[in-house]
PDB file of N, CA and C in Angstrom:
ATOM      1  N   MET A   1       8.496  -5.125  19.377  1.00  0.00           N
ATOM      2  CA  MET A   1       8.914  -3.740  19.244  1.00  0.00           C
ATOM      3  C   MET A   1       8.599  -3.008  20.542  1.00  0.00           C
ATOM      4  N   ALA A   2       9.551  -2.251  21.022  1.00  0.00           N
ATOM      5  CA  ALA A   2       9.341  -1.425  22.205  1.00  0.00           C
ATOM      6  C   ALA A   2       8.556  -0.184  21.816  1.00  0.00           C
ATOM      7  N   PHE A   3       7.844   0.369  22.792  1.00  0.00           N
ATOM      8  CA  PHE A   3       7.089   1.590  22.526  1.00  0.00           C
ATOM      9  C   PHE A   3       7.392   2.618  23.598  1.00  0.00           C
ATOM     10  N   ASP A   4       7.067   3.849  23.321  1.00  0.00           N
ATOM     11  CA  ASP A   4       7.377   4.994  24.171  1.00  0.00           C
ATOM     12  C   ASP A   4       6.454   5.026  25.392  1.00  0.00           C
ATOM     13  N   ASP A   5       6.977   4.574  26.543  1.00  0.00           N
ATOM     14  CA  ASP A   5       6.200   4.549  27.782  1.00  0.00           C
ATOM     15  C   ASP A   5       5.768   5.943  28.232  1.00  0.00           C
ATOM     16  N   GLN A   6       6.608   6.937  27.980  1.00  0.00           N
ATOM     17  CA  GLN A   6       6.249   8.305  28.374  1.00  0.00           C
ATOM     18  C   GLN A   6       5.074   8.816  27.557  1.00  0.00           C
ATOM     19  N   LEU A   7       5.034   8.499  26.268  1.00  0.00           N
ATOM     20  CA  LEU A   7       3.909   8.896  25.431  1.00  0.00           C
ATOM     21  C   LEU A   7       2.637   8.192  25.913  1.00  0.00           C
ATOM     22  N   VAL A   8       2.743   6.930  26.265  1.00  0.00           N
ATOM     23  CA  VAL A   8       1.596   6.188  26.805  1.00  0.00           C
ATOM     24  C   VAL A   8       1.078   6.873  28.060  1.00  0.00           C
ATOM     25  N   ASP A   9       1.978   7.254  28.974  1.00  0.00           N
ATOM     26  CA  ASP A   9       1.569   7.931  30.209  1.00  0.00           C
ATOM     27  C   ASP A   9       0.865   9.253  29.912  1.00  0.00           C
ATOM     28  N   ARG A  10       1.369   9.992  28.959  1.00  0.00           N
ATOM     29  CA  ARG A  10       0.758  11.284  28.594  1.00  0.00           C
ATOM     30  C   ARG A  10      -0.634  11.074  27.999  1.00  0.00           C
ATOM     31  N   ILE A  11      -0.781  10.041  27.191  1.00  0.00           N
ATOM     32  CA  ILE A  11      -2.092   9.734  26.606  1.00  0.00           C
ATOM     33  C   ILE A  11      -3.066   9.324  27.706  1.00  0.00           C
ATOM     34  N   ARG A  12      -2.620   8.523  28.653  1.00  0.00           N
ATOM     35  CA  ARG A  12      -3.488   8.108  29.765  1.00  0.00           C
ATOM     36  C   ARG A  12      -4.042   9.310  30.517  1.00  0.00           C
ATOM     37  N   VAL A  13      -3.218  10.307  30.730  1.00  0.00           N
ATOM     38  CA  VAL A  13      -3.670  11.516  31.426  1.00  0.00           C
ATOM     39  C   VAL A  13      -4.759  12.217  30.608  1.00  0.00           C
ATOM     40  N   ILE A  14      -4.530  12.350  29.319  1.00  0.00           N
ATOM     41  CA  ILE A  14      -5.497  13.031  28.454  1.00  0.00           C
ATOM     42  C   ILE A  14      -6.807  12.251  28.386  1.00  0.00           C
ATOM     43  N   LEU A  15      -6.730  10.925  28.394  1.00  0.00           N
ATOM     44  CA  LEU A  15      -7.917  10.090  28.238  1.00  0.00           C
ATOM     45  C   LEU A  15      -8.536   9.629  29.558  1.00  0.00           C
ATOM     46  N   LYS A  16      -8.073  10.143  30.676  1.00  0.00           N
ATOM     47  CA  LYS A  16      -8.502   9.619  31.979  1.00  0.00           C
ATOM     48  C   LYS A  16     -10.013   9.664  32.203  1.00  0.00           C
ATOM     49  N   ASN A  17     -10.716  10.590  31.593  1.00  0.00           N
ATOM     50  CA  ASN A  17     -12.162  10.698  31.784  1.00  0.00           C
ATOM     51  C   ASN A  17     -12.968  10.047  30.665  1.00  0.00           C
ATOM     52  N   GLU A  18     -12.296   9.397  29.747  1.00  0.00           N
ATOM     53  CA  GLU A  18     -12.972   8.720  28.636  1.00  0.00           C
ATOM     54  C   GLU A  18     -13.209   7.257  29.007  1.00  0.00           C
ATOM     55  N   ASN A  19     -14.233   6.683  28.462  1.00  0.00           N
ATOM     56  CA  ASN A  19     -14.534   5.278  28.686  1.00  0.00           C
ATOM     57  C   ASN A  19     -13.864   4.449  27.587  1.00  0.00           C
ATOM     58  N   LEU A  20     -12.569   4.213  27.762  1.00  0.00           N
ATOM     59  CA  LEU A  20     -11.761   3.516  26.767  1.00  0.00           C
ATOM     60  C   LEU A  20     -11.167   2.250  27.350  1.00  0.00           C
ATOM     61  N   ILE A  21     -10.797   1.365  26.461  1.00  0.00           N
ATOM     62  CA  ILE A  21     -10.043   0.172  26.843  1.00  0.00           C
ATOM     63  C   ILE A  21      -8.647   0.316  26.267  1.00  0.00           C
ATOM     64  N   GLU A  22      -7.652   0.087  27.114  1.00  0.00           N
ATOM     65  CA  GLU A  22      -6.260   0.097  26.675  1.00  0.00           C
ATOM     66  C   GLU A  22      -5.864  -1.353  26.391  1.00  0.00           C
ATOM     67  N   LYS A  23      -5.306  -1.584  25.211  1.00  0.00           N
ATOM     68  CA  LYS A  23      -5.003  -2.953  24.802  1.00  0.00           C
ATOM     69  C   LYS A  23      -3.661  -3.010  24.080  1.00  0.00           C
ATOM     70  N   LYS A  24      -2.852  -4.011  24.410  1.00  0.00           N
ATOM     71  CA  LYS A  24      -1.598  -4.216  23.675  1.00  0.00           C
ATOM     72  C   LYS A  24      -1.945  -4.777  22.311  1.00  0.00           C
ATOM     73  N   MET A  25      -1.398  -4.145  21.280  1.00  0.00           N
ATOM     74  CA  MET A  25      -1.632  -4.588  19.908  1.00  0.00           C
ATOM     75  C   MET A  25      -0.538  -4.062  19.002  1.00  0.00           C
ATOM     76  N   PHE A  26      -0.278  -4.729  17.897  1.00  0.00           N
ATOM     77  CA  PHE A  26       0.731  -4.402  16.881  1.00  0.00           C
ATOM     78  C   PHE A  26       2.060  -3.959  17.479  1.00  0.00           C
ATOM     79  N   GLY A  27       2.471  -4.573  18.581  1.00  0.00           N
ATOM     80  CA  GLY A  27       3.729  -4.239  19.231  1.00  0.00           C
ATOM     81  C   GLY A  27       3.688  -2.925  19.981  1.00  0.00           C
ATOM     82  N   GLY A  28       2.509  -2.395  20.191  1.00  0.00           N
ATOM     83  CA  GLY A  28       2.337  -1.136  20.909  1.00  0.00           C
ATOM     84  C   GLY A  28       1.103  -1.200  21.783  1.00  0.00           C
ATOM     85  N   ILE A  29       0.476  -0.059  21.957  1.00  0.00           N
ATOM     86  CA  ILE A  29      -0.732   0.074  22.776  1.00  0.00           C
ATOM     87  C   ILE A  29      -1.808   0.742  21.936  1.00  0.00           C
ATOM     88  N   GLY A  30      -3.029   0.221  22.025  1.00  0.00           N
ATOM     89  CA  GLY A  30      -4.167   0.840  21.355  1.00  0.00           C
ATOM     90  C   GLY A  30      -5.215   1.245  22.365  1.00  0.00           C
ATOM     91  N   TYR A  31      -5.965   2.281  22.058  1.00  0.00           N
ATOM     92  CA  TYR A  31      -7.061   2.767  22.901  1.00  0.00           C
ATOM     93  C   TYR A  31      -8.348   2.621  22.111  1.00  0.00           C
ATOM     94  N   LEU A  32      -9.274   1.828  22.661  1.00  0.00           N
ATOM     95  CA  LEU A  32     -10.484   1.467  21.941  1.00  0.00           C
ATOM     96  C   LEU A  32     -11.742   2.024  22.612  1.00  0.00           C
ATOM     97  N   ILE A  33     -12.673   2.450  21.771  1.00  0.00           N
ATOM     98  CA  ILE A  33     -13.992   2.884  22.199  1.00  0.00           C
ATOM     99  C   ILE A  33     -14.982   1.926  21.548  1.00  0.00           C
ATOM    100  N   ASN A  34     -15.770   1.230  22.365  1.00  0.00           N
ATOM    101  CA  ASN A  34     -16.753   0.273  21.851  1.00  0.00           C
ATOM    102  C   ASN A  34     -16.136  -0.718  20.864  1.00  0.00           C
ATOM    103  N   GLY A  35     -14.895  -1.102  21.119  1.00  0.00           N
ATOM    104  CA  GLY A  35     -14.216  -2.077  20.278  1.00  0.00           C
ATOM    105  C   GLY A  35     -13.493  -1.510  19.073  1.00  0.00           C
ATOM    106  N   ASN A  36     -13.590  -0.201  18.867  1.00  0.00           N
ATOM    107  CA  ASN A  36     -12.938   0.455  17.722  1.00  0.00           C
ATOM    108  C   ASN A  36     -11.754   1.283  18.198  1.00  0.00           C
ATOM    109  N   MET A  37     -10.623   1.108  17.529  1.00  0.00           N
ATOM    110  CA  MET A  37      -9.438   1.863  17.925  1.00  0.00           C
ATOM    111  C   MET A  37      -9.581   3.330  17.565  1.00  0.00           C
ATOM    112  N   ALA A  38      -9.232   4.175  18.530  1.00  0.00           N
ATOM    113  CA  ALA A  38      -9.243   5.623  18.340  1.00  0.00           C
ATOM    114  C   ALA A  38      -7.828   6.148  18.122  1.00  0.00           C
ATOM    115  N   CYS A  39      -6.904   5.647  18.930  1.00  0.00           N
ATOM    116  CA  CYS A  39      -5.511   6.087  18.841  1.00  0.00           C
ATOM    117  C   CYS A  39      -4.648   5.037  19.509  1.00  0.00           C
ATOM    118  N   GLY A  40      -3.354   5.241  19.427  1.00  0.00           N
ATOM    119  CA  GLY A  40      -2.444   4.304  20.043  1.00  0.00           C
ATOM    120  C   GLY A  40      -1.008   4.765  19.925  1.00  0.00           C
ATOM    121  N   VAL A  41      -0.113   3.911  20.367  1.00  0.00           N
ATOM    122  CA  VAL A  41       1.321   4.200  20.307  1.00  0.00           C
ATOM    123  C   VAL A  41       2.000   3.035  19.604  1.00  0.00           C
ATOM    124  N   HIS A  42       2.816   3.378  18.615  1.00  0.00           N
ATOM    125  CA  HIS A  42       3.609   2.399  17.873  1.00  0.00           C
ATOM    126  C   HIS A  42       5.034   2.930  17.845  1.00  0.00           C
ATOM    127  N   GLY A  43       5.930   2.260  18.535  1.00  0.00           N
ATOM    128  CA  GLY A  43       7.293   2.778  18.662  1.00  0.00           C
ATOM    129  C   GLY A  43       7.267   4.092  19.416  1.00  0.00           C
ATOM    130  N   ASN A  44       7.810   5.135  18.794  1.00  0.00           N
ATOM    131  CA  ASN A  44       7.810   6.473  19.399  1.00  0.00           C
ATOM    132  C   ASN A  44       6.698   7.359  18.851  1.00  0.00           C
ATOM    133  N   ASN A  45       5.860   6.790  18.011  1.00  0.00           N
ATOM    134  CA  ASN A  45       4.857   7.589  17.312  1.00  0.00           C
ATOM    135  C   ASN A  45       3.451   7.355  17.841  1.00  0.00           C
ATOM    136  N   LEU A  46       2.630   8.371  17.697  1.00  0.00           N
ATOM    137  CA  LEU A  46       1.205   8.288  17.994  1.00  0.00           C
ATOM    138  C   LEU A  46       0.500   7.795  16.741  1.00  0.00           C
ATOM    139  N   ILE A  47      -0.453   6.909  16.904  1.00  0.00           N
ATOM    140  CA  ILE A  47      -1.296   6.457  15.800  1.00  0.00           C
ATOM    141  C   ILE A  47      -2.681   7.049  16.047  1.00  0.00           C
ATOM    142  N   VAL A  48      -3.281   7.594  15.008  1.00  0.00           N
ATOM    143  CA  VAL A  48      -4.611   8.184  15.138  1.00  0.00           C
ATOM    144  C   VAL A  48      -5.487   7.693  13.994  1.00  0.00           C
ATOM    145  N   ARG A  49      -6.664   7.235  14.349  1.00  0.00           N
ATOM    146  CA  ARG A  49      -7.639   6.811  13.338  1.00  0.00           C
ATOM    147  C   ARG A  49      -8.572   7.992  13.069  1.00  0.00           C
ATOM    148  N   VAL A  50      -8.479   8.540  11.880  1.00  0.00           N
ATOM    149  CA  VAL A  50      -9.237   9.760  11.548  1.00  0.00           C
ATOM    150  C   VAL A  50     -10.310   9.529  10.501  1.00  0.00           C
ATOM    151  N   GLY A  51     -10.320   8.383   9.874  1.00  0.00           N
ATOM    152  CA  GLY A  51     -11.294   8.102   8.819  1.00  0.00           C
ATOM    153  C   GLY A  51     -10.830   8.615   7.472  1.00  0.00           C
ATOM    154  N   LYS A  52     -11.456   8.100   6.441  1.00  0.00           N
ATOM    155  CA  LYS A  52     -11.040   8.428   5.071  1.00  0.00           C
ATOM    156  C   LYS A  52     -11.371   9.868   4.681  1.00  0.00           C
ATOM    157  N   ASP A  53     -12.433  10.440   5.250  1.00  0.00           N
ATOM    158  CA  ASP A  53     -12.830  11.802   4.869  1.00  0.00           C
ATOM    159  C   ASP A  53     -11.805  12.857   5.284  1.00  0.00           C
ATOM    160  N   GLN A  54     -11.195  12.690   6.454  1.00  0.00           N
ATOM    161  CA  GLN A  54     -10.223  13.670   6.949  1.00  0.00           C
ATOM    162  C   GLN A  54      -8.781  13.314   6.621  1.00  0.00           C
ATOM    163  N   TYR A  55      -8.568  12.097   6.201  1.00  0.00           N
ATOM    164  CA  TYR A  55      -7.230  11.549   6.024  1.00  0.00           C
ATOM    165  C   TYR A  55      -6.318  12.421   5.156  1.00  0.00           C
ATOM    166  N   THR A  56      -6.736  12.727   3.955  1.00  0.00           N
ATOM    167  CA  THR A  56      -5.875  13.455   3.020  1.00  0.00           C
ATOM    168  C   THR A  56      -5.522  14.841   3.544  1.00  0.00           C
ATOM    169  N   ASN A  57      -6.502  15.531   4.085  1.00  0.00           N
ATOM    170  CA  ASN A  57      -6.258  16.872   4.617  1.00  0.00           C
ATOM    171  C   ASN A  57      -5.272  16.833   5.787  1.00  0.00           C
ATOM    172  N   LEU A  58      -5.476  15.917   6.717  1.00  0.00           N
ATOM    173  CA  LEU A  58      -4.596  15.830   7.884  1.00  0.00           C
ATOM    174  C   LEU A  58      -3.212  15.299   7.533  1.00  0.00           C
ATOM    175  N   LEU A  59      -3.121  14.509   6.489  1.00  0.00           N
ATOM    176  CA  LEU A  59      -1.831  13.980   6.046  1.00  0.00           C
ATOM    177  C   LEU A  59      -0.898  15.102   5.586  1.00  0.00           C
ATOM    178  N   ASN A  60      -1.452  16.244   5.242  1.00  0.00           N
ATOM    179  CA  ASN A  60      -0.641  17.388   4.820  1.00  0.00           C
ATOM    180  C   ASN A  60       0.057  18.090   5.974  1.00  0.00           C
ATOM    181  N   ARG A  61      -0.305  17.776   7.198  1.00  0.00           N
ATOM    182  CA  ARG A  61       0.373  18.391   8.346  1.00  0.00           C
ATOM    183  C   ARG A  61       1.799  17.848   8.441  1.00  0.00           C
ATOM    184  N   PRO A  62       2.745  18.697   8.834  1.00  0.00           N
ATOM    185  CA  PRO A  62       4.163  18.306   8.806  1.00  0.00           C
ATOM    186  C   PRO A  62       4.513  17.074   9.641  1.00  0.00           C
ATOM    187  N   SER A  63       3.810  16.838  10.735  1.00  0.00           N
ATOM    188  CA  SER A  63       4.167  15.720  11.617  1.00  0.00           C
ATOM    189  C   SER A  63       3.429  14.428  11.283  1.00  0.00           C
ATOM    190  N   ALA A  64       2.526  14.458  10.316  1.00  0.00           N
ATOM    191  CA  ALA A  64       1.710  13.287   9.986  1.00  0.00           C
ATOM    192  C   ALA A  64       2.295  12.519   8.804  1.00  0.00           C
ATOM    193  N   LYS A  65       2.175  11.213   8.896  1.00  0.00           N
ATOM    194  CA  LYS A  65       2.561  10.346   7.781  1.00  0.00           C
ATOM    195  C   LYS A  65       1.582   9.171   7.745  1.00  0.00           C
ATOM    196  N   PRO A  66       1.519   8.470   6.641  1.00  0.00           N
ATOM    197  CA  PRO A  66       0.626   7.309   6.579  1.00  0.00           C
ATOM    198  C   PRO A  66       1.046   6.248   7.590  1.00  0.00           C
ATOM    199  N   PHE A  67       0.087   5.581   8.182  1.00  0.00           N
ATOM    200  CA  PHE A  67       0.369   4.464   9.087  1.00  0.00           C
ATOM    201  C   PHE A  67       0.477   3.199   8.244  1.00  0.00           C
ATOM    202  N   ASP A  68       1.646   2.564   8.317  1.00  0.00           N
ATOM    203  CA  ASP A  68       1.943   1.435   7.441  1.00  0.00           C
ATOM    204  C   ASP A  68       2.677   0.358   8.230  1.00  0.00           C
ATOM    205  N   LEU A  69       2.021  -0.752   8.467  1.00  0.00           N
ATOM    206  CA  LEU A  69       2.652  -1.879   9.146  1.00  0.00           C
ATOM    207  C   LEU A  69       3.073  -2.987   8.186  1.00  0.00           C
ATOM    208  N   THR A  70       2.469  -3.010   7.000  1.00  0.00           N
ATOM    209  CA  THR A  70       2.623  -4.156   6.111  1.00  0.00           C
ATOM    210  C   THR A  70       3.217  -3.829   4.740  1.00  0.00           C
ATOM    211  N   GLY A  71       3.568  -2.579   4.518  1.00  0.00           N
ATOM    212  CA  GLY A  71       4.032  -2.181   3.192  1.00  0.00           C
ATOM    213  C   GLY A  71       2.932  -1.499   2.401  1.00  0.00           C
ATOM    214  N   LYS A  72       1.750  -1.461   2.961  1.00  0.00           N
ATOM    215  CA  LYS A  72       0.623  -0.772   2.332  1.00  0.00           C
ATOM    216  C   LYS A  72      -0.022   0.121   3.391  1.00  0.00           C
ATOM    217  N   ALA A  73      -0.058   1.418   3.133  1.00  0.00           N
ATOM    218  CA  ALA A  73      -0.612   2.366   4.103  1.00  0.00           C
ATOM    219  C   ALA A  73      -2.077   2.055   4.385  1.00  0.00           C
ATOM    220  N   MET A  74      -2.464   2.240   5.624  1.00  0.00           N
ATOM    221  CA  MET A  74      -3.846   2.017   6.032  1.00  0.00           C
ATOM    222  C   MET A  74      -4.614   3.328   5.856  1.00  0.00           C
ATOM    223  N   SER A  75      -5.493   3.376   4.902  1.00  0.00           N
ATOM    224  CA  SER A  75      -6.262   4.591   4.645  1.00  0.00           C
ATOM    225  C   SER A  75      -7.128   4.926   5.855  1.00  0.00           C
ATOM    226  N   GLY A  76      -7.093   6.183   6.238  1.00  0.00           N
ATOM    227  CA  GLY A  76      -7.870   6.625   7.392  1.00  0.00           C
ATOM    228  C   GLY A  76      -7.102   6.598   8.698  1.00  0.00           C
ATOM    229  N   TRP A  77      -5.873   6.131   8.652  1.00  0.00           N
ATOM    230  CA  TRP A  77      -5.021   6.040   9.838  1.00  0.00           C
ATOM    231  C   TRP A  77      -3.754   6.856   9.606  1.00  0.00           C
ATOM    232  N   LEU A  78      -3.362   7.617  10.603  1.00  0.00           N
ATOM    233  CA  LEU A  78      -2.147   8.425  10.524  1.00  0.00           C
ATOM    234  C   LEU A  78      -1.173   8.023  11.616  1.00  0.00           C
ATOM    235  N   GLU A  79       0.093   8.207  11.327  1.00  0.00           N
ATOM    236  CA  GLU A  79       1.142   8.058  12.319  1.00  0.00           C
ATOM    237  C   GLU A  79       1.733   9.447  12.512  1.00  0.00           C
ATOM    238  N   ILE A  80       1.789   9.888  13.758  1.00  0.00           N
ATOM    239  CA  ILE A  80       2.272  11.230  14.083  1.00  0.00           C
ATOM    240  C   ILE A  80       3.651  11.088  14.715  1.00  0.00           C
ATOM    241  N   ILE A  81       4.647  11.672  14.068  1.00  0.00           N
ATOM    242  CA  ILE A  81       6.020  11.583  14.568  1.00  0.00           C
ATOM    243  C   ILE A  81       6.162  12.447  15.826  1.00  0.00           C
ATOM    244  N   PRO A  82       7.189  12.185  16.650  1.00  0.00           N
ATOM    245  CA  PRO A  82       7.322  12.874  17.932  1.00  0.00           C
ATOM    246  C   PRO A  82       7.277  14.407  17.879  1.00  0.00           C
ATOM    247  N   SER A  83       7.737  15.013  16.806  1.00  0.00           N
ATOM    248  CA  SER A  83       7.685  16.475  16.744  1.00  0.00           C
ATOM    249  C   SER A  83       6.244  16.991  16.779  1.00  0.00           C
ATOM    250  N   GLY A  84       5.288  16.160  16.415  1.00  0.00           N
ATOM    251  CA  GLY A  84       3.886  16.558  16.425  1.00  0.00           C
ATOM    252  C   GLY A  84       3.171  16.271  17.725  1.00  0.00           C
ATOM    253  N   THR A  85       3.893  15.691  18.697  1.00  0.00           N
ATOM    254  CA  THR A  85       3.265  15.369  19.982  1.00  0.00           C
ATOM    255  C   THR A  85       4.056  15.903  21.179  1.00  0.00           C
ATOM    256  N   ARG A  86       5.017  16.763  20.914  1.00  0.00           N
ATOM    257  CA  ARG A  86       5.804  17.321  22.021  1.00  0.00           C
ATOM    258  C   ARG A  86       4.962  18.181  22.944  1.00  0.00           C
ATOM    259  N   ASP A  87       4.109  18.967  22.354  1.00  0.00           N
ATOM    260  CA  ASP A  87       3.252  19.891  23.097  1.00  0.00           C
ATOM    261  C   ASP A  87       1.973  19.162  23.532  1.00  0.00           C
ATOM    262  N   GLU A  88       1.570  19.328  24.792  1.00  0.00           N
ATOM    263  CA  GLU A  88       0.381  18.638  25.303  1.00  0.00           C
ATOM    264  C   GLU A  88      -0.885  19.036  24.564  1.00  0.00           C
ATOM    265  N   LYS A  89      -0.971  20.284  24.173  1.00  0.00           N
ATOM    266  CA  LYS A  89      -2.158  20.743  23.449  1.00  0.00           C
ATOM    267  C   LYS A  89      -2.258  20.046  22.097  1.00  0.00           C
ATOM    268  N   GLU A  90      -1.151  19.973  21.379  1.00  0.00           N
ATOM    269  CA  GLU A  90      -1.150  19.322  20.074  1.00  0.00           C
ATOM    270  C   GLU A  90      -1.434  17.823  20.209  1.00  0.00           C
ATOM    271  N   LEU A  91      -0.839  17.180  21.211  1.00  0.00           N
ATOM    272  CA  LEU A  91      -1.106  15.768  21.460  1.00  0.00           C
ATOM    273  C   LEU A  91      -2.595  15.559  21.728  1.00  0.00           C
ATOM    274  N   ALA A  92      -3.172  16.390  22.578  1.00  0.00           N
ATOM    275  CA  ALA A  92      -4.598  16.273  22.902  1.00  0.00           C
ATOM    276  C   ALA A  92      -5.479  16.481  21.672  1.00  0.00           C
ATOM    277  N   GLU A  93      -5.089  17.387  20.799  1.00  0.00           N
ATOM    278  CA  GLU A  93      -5.878  17.624  19.575  1.00  0.00           C
ATOM    279  C   GLU A  93      -5.871  16.399  18.670  1.00  0.00           C
ATOM    280  N   TRP A  94      -4.713  15.782  18.502  1.00  0.00           N
ATOM    281  CA  TRP A  94      -4.637  14.569  17.682  1.00  0.00           C
ATOM    282  C   TRP A  94      -5.493  13.466  18.297  1.00  0.00           C
ATOM    283  N   ILE A  95      -5.366  13.279  19.606  1.00  0.00           N
ATOM    284  CA  ILE A  95      -6.127  12.237  20.293  1.00  0.00           C
ATOM    285  C   ILE A  95      -7.626  12.488  20.146  1.00  0.00           C
ATOM    286  N   GLN A  96      -8.032  13.731  20.290  1.00  0.00           N
ATOM    287  CA  GLN A  96      -9.451  14.067  20.175  1.00  0.00           C
ATOM    288  C   GLN A  96      -9.995  13.717  18.796  1.00  0.00           C
ATOM    289  N   LEU A  97      -9.204  13.923  17.761  1.00  0.00           N
ATOM    290  CA  LEU A  97      -9.626  13.536  16.405  1.00  0.00           C
ATOM    291  C   LEU A  97      -9.922  12.035  16.336  1.00  0.00           C
ATOM    292  N   GLY A  98      -9.055  11.252  16.942  1.00  0.00           N
ATOM    293  CA  GLY A  98      -9.261   9.808  16.948  1.00  0.00           C
ATOM    294  C   GLY A  98     -10.469   9.386  17.767  1.00  0.00           C
ATOM    295  N   VAL A  99     -10.642  10.003  18.919  1.00  0.00           N
ATOM    296  CA  VAL A  99     -11.778   9.691  19.783  1.00  0.00           C
ATOM    297  C   VAL A  99     -13.087  10.052  19.078  1.00  0.00           C
ATOM    298  N   GLU A 100     -13.122  11.230  18.486  1.00  0.00           N
ATOM    299  CA  GLU A 100     -14.336  11.660  17.788  1.00  0.00           C
ATOM    300  C   GLU A 100     -14.684  10.714  16.645  1.00  0.00           C
ATOM    301  N   PHE A 101     -13.680  10.283  15.888  1.00  0.00           N
ATOM    302  CA  PHE A 101     -13.962   9.366  14.792  1.00  0.00           C
ATOM    303  C   PHE A 101     -14.441   8.015  15.312  1.00  0.00           C
ATOM    304  N   ALA A 102     -13.766   7.465  16.313  1.00  0.00           N
ATOM    305  CA  ALA A 102     -14.144   6.150  16.840  1.00  0.00           C
ATOM    306  C   ALA A 102     -15.582   6.151  17.365  1.00  0.00           C
ATOM    307  N   ARG A 103     -16.032   7.257  17.903  1.00  0.00           N
ATOM    308  CA  ARG A 103     -17.402   7.354  18.410  1.00  0.00           C
ATOM    309  C   ARG A 103     -18.449   7.298  17.292  1.00  0.00           C
ATOM    310  N   THR A 104     -18.039   7.548  16.053  1.00  0.00           N
ATOM    311  CA  THR A 104     -18.993   7.493  14.936  1.00  0.00           C
ATOM    312  C   THR A 104     -19.201   6.066  14.427  1.00  0.00           C
ATOM    313  N   LEU A 105     -18.364   5.142  14.871  1.00  0.00           N
ATOM    314  CA  LEU A 105     -18.404   3.772  14.358  1.00  0.00           C
ATOM    315  C   LEU A 105     -19.344   2.895  15.190  1.00  0.00           C
ATOM    316  N   PRO A 106     -19.954   1.903  14.566  1.00  0.00           N
ATOM    317  CA  PRO A 106     -20.812   0.981  15.325  1.00  0.00           C
ATOM    318  C   PRO A 106     -19.978   0.147  16.295  1.00  0.00           C
ATOM    319  N   SER A 107     -20.564  -0.209  17.404  1.00  0.00           N
ATOM    320  CA  SER A 107     -19.869  -1.048  18.403  1.00  0.00           C
ATOM    321  C   SER A 107     -19.546  -2.398  17.816  1.00  0.00           C
ATOM    322  N   LYS A 108     -18.432  -2.947  18.259  1.00  0.00           N
ATOM    323  CA  LYS A 108     -18.032  -4.303  17.838  1.00  0.00           C
ATOM    324  C   LYS A 108     -18.399  -5.291  18.923  1.00  0.00           C
TER     325      LYS A 108
END
């Protein structure tokens, strides 16, 4: 599956001062902190790992949908459609949610 190179470039700019690893995964790109994925790109969409506590509340936002690769949504993970990442501020806010959550997880 091809992924949105422009979205990847925009994420790189936002994350330039973070200590992350960029890794090809699930046909897209993932950004990992201490081995835990914080966010990524799948097709044209942003993927954000927000955890189960914030999941339901954030899923109510118009641009968010469940992240589903296998026919079963991954609880704690959101897929943000392009309308939710057009603005740099909104993109940065979504990414920050993922980064903050990944930092709470033990290193792998």
